[in-house]
Amino acid sequence: MDVRRRVGPAPAHVIETEVKDDISLFDARRNQVLVLNATASDIWRLCDGEQTVDEIVELLASAYGVPADDIRDEVTATLERLIEEEFLTP
């Protein structure tokens, strides 16, 4: 995944619901639900169409107090899945 690529926002057919710190996504076109864990929810919140993949990794690394390289693969995999399943626009 190109780290300079901007990610998001969610397409109009995706409805977001937040319960406590976790987010559930509903794809109205496919009648599909995806429940995000806390980490995936943090990634989702940063996908506003303004942040690049690299910026999302850096922001999360700073928030979690870990090196960016330690979380880059997980963040990238989560973003790729959200895009592949059409919950996010590339």
PDB file of N, CA and C in Angstrom:
ATOM      1  N   MET A   1       0.847  -1.171   0.000  1.00  0.00           N
ATOM      2  CA  MET A   1       0.000   0.000   0.000  1.00  0.00           C
ATOM      3  C   MET A   1       0.890   1.230   0.000  1.00  0.00           C
ATOM      4  N   ASP A   2       0.582   2.168  -0.851  1.00  0.00           N
ATOM      5  CA  ASP A   2       1.338   3.412  -0.949  1.00  0.00           C
ATOM      6  C   ASP A   2       1.138   4.227   0.318  1.00  0.00           C
ATOM      7  N   VAL A   3       2.214   4.501   1.048  1.00  0.00           N
ATOM      8  CA  VAL A   3       2.116   5.215   2.320  1.00  0.00           C
ATOM      9  C   VAL A   3       1.723   6.677   2.141  1.00  0.00           C
ATOM     10  N   ARG A   4       1.808   7.200   0.908  1.00  0.00           N
ATOM     11  CA  ARG A   4       1.410   8.585   0.642  1.00  0.00           C
ATOM     12  C   ARG A   4      -0.060   8.697   0.266  1.00  0.00           C
ATOM     13  N   ARG A   5      -0.699   7.560   0.140  1.00  0.00           N
ATOM     14  CA  ARG A   5      -2.102   7.503  -0.247  1.00  0.00           C
ATOM     15  C   ARG A   5      -2.989   8.015   0.892  1.00  0.00           C
ATOM     16  N   ARG A   6      -3.948   8.877   0.556  1.00  0.00           N
ATOM     17  CA  ARG A   6      -4.934   9.333   1.533  1.00  0.00           C
ATOM     18  C   ARG A   6      -6.040   8.293   1.609  1.00  0.00           C
ATOM     19  N   VAL A   7      -6.577   8.096   2.803  1.00  0.00           N
ATOM     20  CA  VAL A   7      -7.575   7.057   3.014  1.00  0.00           C
ATOM     21  C   VAL A   7      -8.836   7.670   3.602  1.00  0.00           C
ATOM     22  N   GLY A   8      -9.988   7.266   3.019  1.00  0.00           N
ATOM     23  CA  GLY A   8     -11.280   7.715   3.530  1.00  0.00           C
ATOM     24  C   GLY A   8     -11.801   8.876   2.729  1.00  0.00           C
ATOM     25  N   PRO A   9     -12.898   9.388   3.088  1.00  0.00           N
ATOM     26  CA  PRO A   9     -13.770   8.953   4.181  1.00  0.00           C
ATOM     27  C   PRO A   9     -14.615   7.749   3.769  1.00  0.00           C
ATOM     28  N   ALA A  10     -15.476   7.337   4.667  1.00  0.00           N
ATOM     29  CA  ALA A  10     -16.347   6.195   4.378  1.00  0.00           C
ATOM     30  C   ALA A  10     -17.348   6.580   3.299  1.00  0.00           C
ATOM     31  N   PRO A  11     -17.685   5.629   2.414  1.00  0.00           N
ATOM     32  CA  PRO A  11     -18.714   5.903   1.400  1.00  0.00           C
ATOM     33  C   PRO A  11     -20.085   6.092   2.065  1.00  0.00           C
ATOM     34  N   ALA A  12     -21.002   6.693   1.336  1.00  0.00           N
ATOM     35  CA  ALA A  12     -22.324   7.026   1.869  1.00  0.00           C
ATOM     36  C   ALA A  12     -23.113   5.808   2.338  1.00  0.00           C
ATOM     37  N   HIS A  13     -22.839   4.626   1.758  1.00  0.00           N
ATOM     38  CA  HIS A  13     -23.602   3.432   2.139  1.00  0.00           C
ATOM     39  C   HIS A  13     -23.125   2.781   3.440  1.00  0.00           C
ATOM     40  N   VAL A  14     -22.102   3.346   4.076  1.00  0.00           N
ATOM     41  CA  VAL A  14     -21.576   2.801   5.327  1.00  0.00           C
ATOM     42  C   VAL A  14     -22.056   3.664   6.494  1.00  0.00           C
ATOM     43  N   ILE A  15     -22.677   2.999   7.463  1.00  0.00           N
ATOM     44  CA  ILE A  15     -23.195   3.678   8.647  1.00  0.00           C
ATOM     45  C   ILE A  15     -22.332   3.269   9.835  1.00  0.00           C
ATOM     46  N   GLU A  16     -21.872   4.252  10.571  1.00  0.00           N
ATOM     47  CA  GLU A  16     -20.999   4.024  11.721  1.00  0.00           C
ATOM     48  C   GLU A  16     -21.792   4.179  13.015  1.00  0.00           C
ATOM     49  N   THR A  17     -21.586   3.253  13.925  1.00  0.00           N
ATOM     50  CA  THR A  17     -22.180   3.337  15.254  1.00  0.00           C
ATOM     51  C   THR A  17     -21.078   3.094  16.277  1.00  0.00           C
ATOM     52  N   GLU A  18     -20.984   3.984  17.250  1.00  0.00           N
ATOM     53  CA  GLU A  18     -19.953   3.835  18.279  1.00  0.00           C
ATOM     54  C   GLU A  18     -20.608   3.445  19.596  1.00  0.00           C
ATOM     55  N   VAL A  19     -20.086   2.386  20.195  1.00  0.00           N
ATOM     56  CA  VAL A  19     -20.546   1.931  21.500  1.00  0.00           C
ATOM     57  C   VAL A  19     -19.313   1.839  22.389  1.00  0.00           C
ATOM     58  N   LYS A  20     -19.287   2.658  23.435  1.00  0.00           N
ATOM     59  CA  LYS A  20     -18.118   2.790  24.303  1.00  0.00           C
ATOM     60  C   LYS A  20     -16.939   3.211  23.430  1.00  0.00           C
ATOM     61  N   ASP A  21     -15.881   2.416  23.349  1.00  0.00           N
ATOM     62  CA  ASP A  21     -14.715   2.799  22.559  1.00  0.00           C
ATOM     63  C   ASP A  21     -14.598   2.049  21.246  1.00  0.00           C
ATOM     64  N   ASP A  22     -15.570   1.179  20.960  1.00  0.00           N
ATOM     65  CA  ASP A  22     -15.514   0.373  19.744  1.00  0.00           C
ATOM     66  C   ASP A  22     -16.518   0.885  18.718  1.00  0.00           C
ATOM     67  N   ILE A  23     -16.217   0.636  17.471  1.00  0.00           N
ATOM     68  CA  ILE A  23     -17.065   1.088  16.369  1.00  0.00           C
ATOM     69  C   ILE A  23     -17.589  -0.119  15.610  1.00  0.00           C
ATOM     70  N   SER A  24     -18.857  -0.049  15.263  1.00  0.00           N
ATOM     71  CA  SER A  24     -19.475  -1.036  14.379  1.00  0.00           C
ATOM     72  C   SER A  24     -19.829  -0.333  13.086  1.00  0.00           C
ATOM     73  N   LEU A  25     -19.579  -1.008  11.978  1.00  0.00           N
ATOM     74  CA  LEU A  25     -19.872  -0.459  10.659  1.00  0.00           C
ATOM     75  C   LEU A  25     -20.940  -1.311   9.997  1.00  0.00           C
ATOM     76  N   PHE A  26     -21.884  -0.668   9.341  1.00  0.00           N
ATOM     77  CA  PHE A  26     -22.936  -1.375   8.629  1.00  0.00           C
ATOM     78  C   PHE A  26     -22.917  -0.929   7.176  1.00  0.00           C
ATOM     79  N   ASP A  27     -22.739  -1.873   6.280  1.00  0.00           N
ATOM     80  CA  ASP A  27     -22.772  -1.614   4.841  1.00  0.00           C
ATOM     81  C   ASP A  27     -24.204  -1.868   4.379  1.00  0.00           C
ATOM     82  N   ALA A  28     -24.936  -0.806   4.124  1.00  0.00           N
ATOM     83  CA  ALA A  28     -26.353  -0.913   3.764  1.00  0.00           C
ATOM     84  C   ALA A  28     -26.555  -1.566   2.403  1.00  0.00           C
ATOM     85  N   ARG A  29     -25.587  -1.477   1.512  1.00  0.00           N
ATOM     86  CA  ARG A  29     -25.726  -2.100   0.186  1.00  0.00           C
ATOM     87  C   ARG A  29     -25.678  -3.611   0.270  1.00  0.00           C
ATOM     88  N   ARG A  30     -24.791  -4.118   1.132  1.00  0.00           N
ATOM     89  CA  ARG A  30     -24.583  -5.565   1.212  1.00  0.00           C
ATOM     90  C   ARG A  30     -25.161  -6.176   2.479  1.00  0.00           C
ATOM     91  N   ASN A  31     -25.787  -5.342   3.300  1.00  0.00           N
ATOM     92  CA  ASN A  31     -26.367  -5.807   4.555  1.00  0.00           C
ATOM     93  C   ASN A  31     -25.312  -6.549   5.388  1.00  0.00           C
ATOM     94  N   GLN A  32     -24.123  -5.933   5.489  1.00  0.00           N
ATOM     95  CA  GLN A  32     -22.986  -6.543   6.175  1.00  0.00           C
ATOM     96  C   GLN A  32     -22.553  -5.663   7.341  1.00  0.00           C
ATOM     97  N   VAL A  33     -22.217  -6.308   8.462  1.00  0.00           N
ATOM     98  CA  VAL A  33     -21.754  -5.604   9.650  1.00  0.00           C
ATOM     99  C   VAL A  33     -20.310  -5.998   9.923  1.00  0.00           C
ATOM    100  N   LEU A  34     -19.521  -5.011  10.332  1.00  0.00           N
ATOM    101  CA  LEU A  34     -18.143  -5.249  10.737  1.00  0.00           C
ATOM    102  C   LEU A  34     -17.944  -4.549  12.072  1.00  0.00           C
ATOM    103  N   VAL A  35     -17.544  -5.310  13.089  1.00  0.00           N
ATOM    104  CA  VAL A  35     -17.286  -4.747  14.412  1.00  0.00           C
ATOM    105  C   VAL A  35     -15.779  -4.585  14.562  1.00  0.00           C
ATOM    106  N   LEU A  36     -15.358  -3.369  14.824  1.00  0.00           N
ATOM    107  CA  LEU A  36     -13.937  -3.069  14.954  1.00  0.00           C
ATOM    108  C   LEU A  36     -13.514  -3.150  16.411  1.00  0.00           C
ATOM    109  N   ASN A  37     -12.343  -3.723  16.650  1.00  0.00           N
ATOM    110  CA  ASN A  37     -11.802  -3.699  18.004  1.00  0.00           C
ATOM    111  C   ASN A  37     -11.251  -2.301  18.287  1.00  0.00           C
ATOM    112  N   ALA A  38     -10.703  -2.098  19.468  1.00  0.00           N
ATOM    113  CA  ALA A  38     -10.248  -0.765  19.869  1.00  0.00           C
ATOM    114  C   ALA A  38      -9.179  -0.211  18.930  1.00  0.00           C
ATOM    115  N   THR A  39      -8.225  -1.037  18.548  1.00  0.00           N
ATOM    116  CA  THR A  39      -7.158  -0.569  17.659  1.00  0.00           C
ATOM    117  C   THR A  39      -7.703  -0.223  16.276  1.00  0.00           C
ATOM    118  N   ALA A  40      -8.518  -1.090  15.708  1.00  0.00           N
ATOM    119  CA  ALA A  40      -9.115  -0.821  14.399  1.00  0.00           C
ATOM    120  C   ALA A  40     -10.025   0.406  14.467  1.00  0.00           C
ATOM    121  N   SER A  41     -10.686   0.608  15.603  1.00  0.00           N
ATOM    122  CA  SER A  41     -11.525   1.801  15.778  1.00  0.00           C
ATOM    123  C   SER A  41     -10.671   3.063  15.745  1.00  0.00           C
ATOM    124  N   ASP A  42      -9.501   3.017  16.378  1.00  0.00           N
ATOM    125  CA  ASP A  42      -8.593   4.168  16.333  1.00  0.00           C
ATOM    126  C   ASP A  42      -8.144   4.451  14.902  1.00  0.00           C
ATOM    127  N   ILE A  43      -7.833   3.403  14.158  1.00  0.00           N
ATOM    128  CA  ILE A  43      -7.447   3.566  12.752  1.00  0.00           C
ATOM    129  C   ILE A  43      -8.597   4.188  11.976  1.00  0.00           C
ATOM    130  N   TRP A  44      -9.797   3.668  12.149  1.00  0.00           N
ATOM    131  CA  TRP A  44     -10.995   4.162  11.458  1.00  0.00           C
ATOM    132  C   TRP A  44     -11.194   5.667  11.699  1.00  0.00           C
ATOM    133  N   ARG A  45     -11.042   6.093  12.937  1.00  0.00           N
ATOM    134  CA  ARG A  45     -11.267   7.503  13.288  1.00  0.00           C
ATOM    135  C   ARG A  45     -10.320   8.449  12.539  1.00  0.00           C
ATOM    136  N   LEU A  46      -9.169   7.947  12.142  1.00  0.00           N
ATOM    137  CA  LEU A  46      -8.187   8.782  11.437  1.00  0.00           C
ATOM    138  C   LEU A  46      -8.384   8.782   9.923  1.00  0.00           C
ATOM    139  N   CYS A  47      -9.307   7.994   9.430  1.00  0.00           N
ATOM    140  CA  CYS A  47      -9.542   7.884   7.987  1.00  0.00           C
ATOM    141  C   CYS A  47     -10.569   8.917   7.544  1.00  0.00           C
ATOM    142  N   ASP A  48     -10.105  10.152   7.431  1.00  0.00           N
ATOM    143  CA  ASP A  48     -10.994  11.259   7.100  1.00  0.00           C
ATOM    144  C   ASP A  48     -10.788  11.790   5.686  1.00  0.00           C
ATOM    145  N   GLY A  49      -9.927  11.137   4.937  1.00  0.00           N
ATOM    146  CA  GLY A  49      -9.632  11.599   3.588  1.00  0.00           C
ATOM    147  C   GLY A  49      -8.524  12.633   3.543  1.00  0.00           C
ATOM    148  N   GLU A  50      -8.089  13.071   4.699  1.00  0.00           N
ATOM    149  CA  GLU A  50      -7.019  14.075   4.794  1.00  0.00           C
ATOM    150  C   GLU A  50      -5.683  13.449   5.164  1.00  0.00           C
ATOM    151  N   GLN A  51      -5.740  12.345   5.931  1.00  0.00           N
ATOM    152  CA  GLN A  51      -4.528  11.697   6.414  1.00  0.00           C
ATOM    153  C   GLN A  51      -4.019  10.675   5.398  1.00  0.00           C
ATOM    154  N   THR A  52      -2.705  10.633   5.235  1.00  0.00           N
ATOM    155  CA  THR A  52      -2.109   9.575   4.428  1.00  0.00           C
ATOM    156  C   THR A  52      -1.911   8.346   5.314  1.00  0.00           C
ATOM    157  N   VAL A  53      -1.633   7.223   4.693  1.00  0.00           N
ATOM    158  CA  VAL A  53      -1.355   6.002   5.442  1.00  0.00           C
ATOM    159  C   VAL A  53      -0.192   6.242   6.396  1.00  0.00           C
ATOM    160  N   ASP A  54       0.858   6.866   5.919  1.00  0.00           N
ATOM    161  CA  ASP A  54       2.026   7.118   6.757  1.00  0.00           C
ATOM    162  C   ASP A  54       1.681   8.036   7.925  1.00  0.00           C
ATOM    163  N   GLU A  55       0.856   9.042   7.697  1.00  0.00           N
ATOM    164  CA  GLU A  55       0.450   9.935   8.786  1.00  0.00           C
ATOM    165  C   GLU A  55      -0.378   9.194   9.834  1.00  0.00           C
ATOM    166  N   ILE A  56      -1.239   8.302   9.380  1.00  0.00           N
ATOM    167  CA  ILE A  56      -2.040   7.503  10.316  1.00  0.00           C
ATOM    168  C   ILE A  56      -1.125   6.638  11.178  1.00  0.00           C
ATOM    169  N   VAL A  57      -0.156   6.001  10.561  1.00  0.00           N
ATOM    170  CA  VAL A  57       0.804   5.173  11.302  1.00  0.00           C
ATOM    171  C   VAL A  57       1.555   6.025  12.323  1.00  0.00           C
ATOM    172  N   GLU A  58       2.041   7.177  11.905  1.00  0.00           N
ATOM    173  CA  GLU A  58       2.806   8.045  12.804  1.00  0.00           C
ATOM    174  C   GLU A  58       1.955   8.552  13.968  1.00  0.00           C
ATOM    175  N   LEU A  59       0.713   8.938  13.698  1.00  0.00           N
ATOM    176  CA  LEU A  59      -0.177   9.424  14.764  1.00  0.00           C
ATOM    177  C   LEU A  59      -0.471   8.319  15.778  1.00  0.00           C
ATOM    178  N   LEU A  60      -0.739   7.124  15.299  1.00  0.00           N
ATOM    179  CA  LEU A  60      -1.020   6.013  16.203  1.00  0.00           C
ATOM    180  C   LEU A  60       0.224   5.606  16.991  1.00  0.00           C
ATOM    181  N   ALA A  61       1.364   5.596  16.338  1.00  0.00           N
ATOM    182  CA  ALA A  61       2.610   5.251  17.028  1.00  0.00           C
ATOM    183  C   ALA A  61       2.873   6.237  18.168  1.00  0.00           C
ATOM    184  N   SER A  62       2.650   7.492  17.899  1.00  0.00           N
ATOM    185  CA  SER A  62       2.835   8.511  18.928  1.00  0.00           C
ATOM    186  C   SER A  62       1.831   8.323  20.064  1.00  0.00           C
ATOM    187  N   ALA A  63       0.579   8.068  19.727  1.00  0.00           N
ATOM    188  CA  ALA A  63      -0.465   7.888  20.742  1.00  0.00           C
ATOM    189  C   ALA A  63      -0.214   6.653  21.596  1.00  0.00           C
ATOM    190  N   TYR A  64       0.295   5.587  20.986  1.00  0.00           N
ATOM    191  CA  TYR A  64       0.538   4.342  21.706  1.00  0.00           C
ATOM    192  C   TYR A  64       1.928   4.285  22.340  1.00  0.00           C
ATOM    193  N   GLY A  65       2.791   5.232  21.990  1.00  0.00           N
ATOM    194  CA  GLY A  65       4.138   5.239  22.544  1.00  0.00           C
ATOM    195  C   GLY A  65       5.009   4.106  22.050  1.00  0.00           C
ATOM    196  N   VAL A  66       4.860   3.776  20.758  1.00  0.00           N
ATOM    197  CA  VAL A  66       5.648   2.700  20.152  1.00  0.00           C
ATOM    198  C   VAL A  66       6.282   3.209  18.866  1.00  0.00           C
ATOM    199  N   PRO A  67       7.350   2.543  18.400  1.00  0.00           N
ATOM    200  CA  PRO A  67       7.922   2.920  17.114  1.00  0.00           C
ATOM    201  C   PRO A  67       6.940   2.640  15.968  1.00  0.00           C
ATOM    202  N   ALA A  68       6.911   3.527  15.006  1.00  0.00           N
ATOM    203  CA  ALA A  68       6.004   3.381  13.860  1.00  0.00           C
ATOM    204  C   ALA A  68       6.213   2.051  13.144  1.00  0.00           C
ATOM    205  N   ASP A  69       7.456   1.620  13.032  1.00  0.00           N
ATOM    206  CA  ASP A  69       7.733   0.355  12.341  1.00  0.00           C
ATOM    207  C   ASP A  69       7.098  -0.846  13.032  1.00  0.00           C
ATOM    208  N   ASP A  70       6.857  -0.733  14.337  1.00  0.00           N
ATOM    209  CA  ASP A  70       6.256  -1.844  15.077  1.00  0.00           C
ATOM    210  C   ASP A  70       4.780  -2.042  14.762  1.00  0.00           C
ATOM    211  N   ILE A  71       4.113  -0.993  14.263  1.00  0.00           N
ATOM    212  CA  ILE A  71       2.674  -1.102  14.010  1.00  0.00           C
ATOM    213  C   ILE A  71       2.297  -0.922  12.538  1.00  0.00           C
ATOM    214  N   ARG A  72       3.265  -0.568  11.725  1.00  0.00           N
ATOM    215  CA  ARG A  72       2.987  -0.261  10.310  1.00  0.00           C
ATOM    216  C   ARG A  72       2.267  -1.405   9.591  1.00  0.00           C
ATOM    217  N   ASP A  73       2.728  -2.627   9.752  1.00  0.00           N
ATOM    218  CA  ASP A  73       2.117  -3.761   9.047  1.00  0.00           C
ATOM    219  C   ASP A  73       0.669  -3.977   9.484  1.00  0.00           C
ATOM    220  N   GLU A  74       0.402  -3.877  10.786  1.00  0.00           N
ATOM    221  CA  GLU A  74      -0.960  -4.074  11.292  1.00  0.00           C
ATOM    222  C   GLU A  74      -1.892  -2.968  10.800  1.00  0.00           C
ATOM    223  N   VAL A  75      -1.417  -1.737  10.843  1.00  0.00           N
ATOM    224  CA  VAL A  75      -2.245  -0.615  10.374  1.00  0.00           C
ATOM    225  C   VAL A  75      -2.526  -0.765   8.885  1.00  0.00           C
ATOM    226  N   THR A  76      -1.508  -1.068   8.114  1.00  0.00           N
ATOM    227  CA  THR A  76      -1.668  -1.234   6.674  1.00  0.00           C
ATOM    228  C   THR A  76      -2.630  -2.373   6.354  1.00  0.00           C
ATOM    229  N   ALA A  77      -2.503  -3.490   7.047  1.00  0.00           N
ATOM    230  CA  ALA A  77      -3.397  -4.635   6.821  1.00  0.00           C
ATOM    231  C   ALA A  77      -4.844  -4.271   7.150  1.00  0.00           C
ATOM    232  N   THR A  78      -5.042  -3.525   8.218  1.00  0.00           N
ATOM    233  CA  THR A  78      -6.396  -3.100   8.591  1.00  0.00           C
ATOM    234  C   THR A  78      -6.976  -2.175   7.529  1.00  0.00           C
ATOM    235  N   LEU A  79      -6.197  -1.224   7.065  1.00  0.00           N
ATOM    236  CA  LEU A  79      -6.672  -0.302   6.027  1.00  0.00           C
ATOM    237  C   LEU A  79      -6.985  -1.049   4.735  1.00  0.00           C
ATOM    238  N   GLU A  80      -6.115  -1.972   4.358  1.00  0.00           N
ATOM    239  CA  GLU A  80      -6.354  -2.751   3.141  1.00  0.00           C
ATOM    240  C   GLU A  80      -7.649  -3.547   3.240  1.00  0.00           C
ATOM    241  N   ARG A  81      -7.918  -4.132   4.399  1.00  0.00           N
ATOM    242  CA  ARG A  81      -9.156  -4.898   4.575  1.00  0.00           C
ATOM    243  C   ARG A  81     -10.377  -3.978   4.485  1.00  0.00           C
ATOM    244  N   LEU A  82     -10.316  -2.827   5.137  1.00  0.00           N
ATOM    245  CA  LEU A  82     -11.445  -1.889   5.101  1.00  0.00           C
ATOM    246  C   LEU A  82     -11.722  -1.404   3.683  1.00  0.00           C
ATOM    247  N   ILE A  83     -10.674  -1.183   2.917  1.00  0.00           N
ATOM    248  CA  ILE A  83     -10.834  -0.759   1.518  1.00  0.00           C
ATOM    249  C   ILE A  83     -11.355  -1.912   0.670  1.00  0.00           C
ATOM    250  N   GLU A  84     -10.757  -3.094   0.843  1.00  0.00           N
ATOM    251  CA  GLU A  84     -11.161  -4.262   0.065  1.00  0.00           C
ATOM    252  C   GLU A  84     -12.637  -4.601   0.302  1.00  0.00           C
ATOM    253  N   GLU A  85     -13.086  -4.473   1.535  1.00  0.00           N
ATOM    254  CA  GLU A  85     -14.478  -4.780   1.860  1.00  0.00           C
ATOM    255  C   GLU A  85     -15.414  -3.590   1.646  1.00  0.00           C
ATOM    256  N   GLU A  86     -14.868  -2.510   1.065  1.00  0.00           N
ATOM    257  CA  GLU A  86     -15.620  -1.314   0.665  1.00  0.00           C
ATOM    258  C   GLU A  86     -16.237  -0.542   1.827  1.00  0.00           C
ATOM    259  N   PHE A  87     -15.600  -0.618   3.008  1.00  0.00           N
ATOM    260  CA  PHE A  87     -16.008   0.222   4.129  1.00  0.00           C
ATOM    261  C   PHE A  87     -15.307   1.568   4.061  1.00  0.00           C
ATOM    262  N   LEU A  88     -14.201   1.641   3.324  1.00  0.00           N
ATOM    263  CA  LEU A  88     -13.458   2.884   3.119  1.00  0.00           C
ATOM    264  C   LEU A  88     -13.203   3.088   1.644  1.00  0.00           C
ATOM    265  N   THR A  89     -13.051   4.344   1.264  1.00  0.00           N
ATOM    266  CA  THR A  89     -12.650   4.647  -0.111  1.00  0.00           C
ATOM    267  C   THR A  89     -11.151   4.906  -0.122  1.00  0.00           C
ATOM    268  N   PRO A  90     -10.485   4.390  -1.141  1.00  0.00           N
ATOM    269  CA  PRO A  90      -9.039   4.631  -1.221  1.00  0.00           C
ATOM    270  C   PRO A  90      -8.739   6.074  -1.650  1.00  0.00           C
TER     271      PRO A  90
END
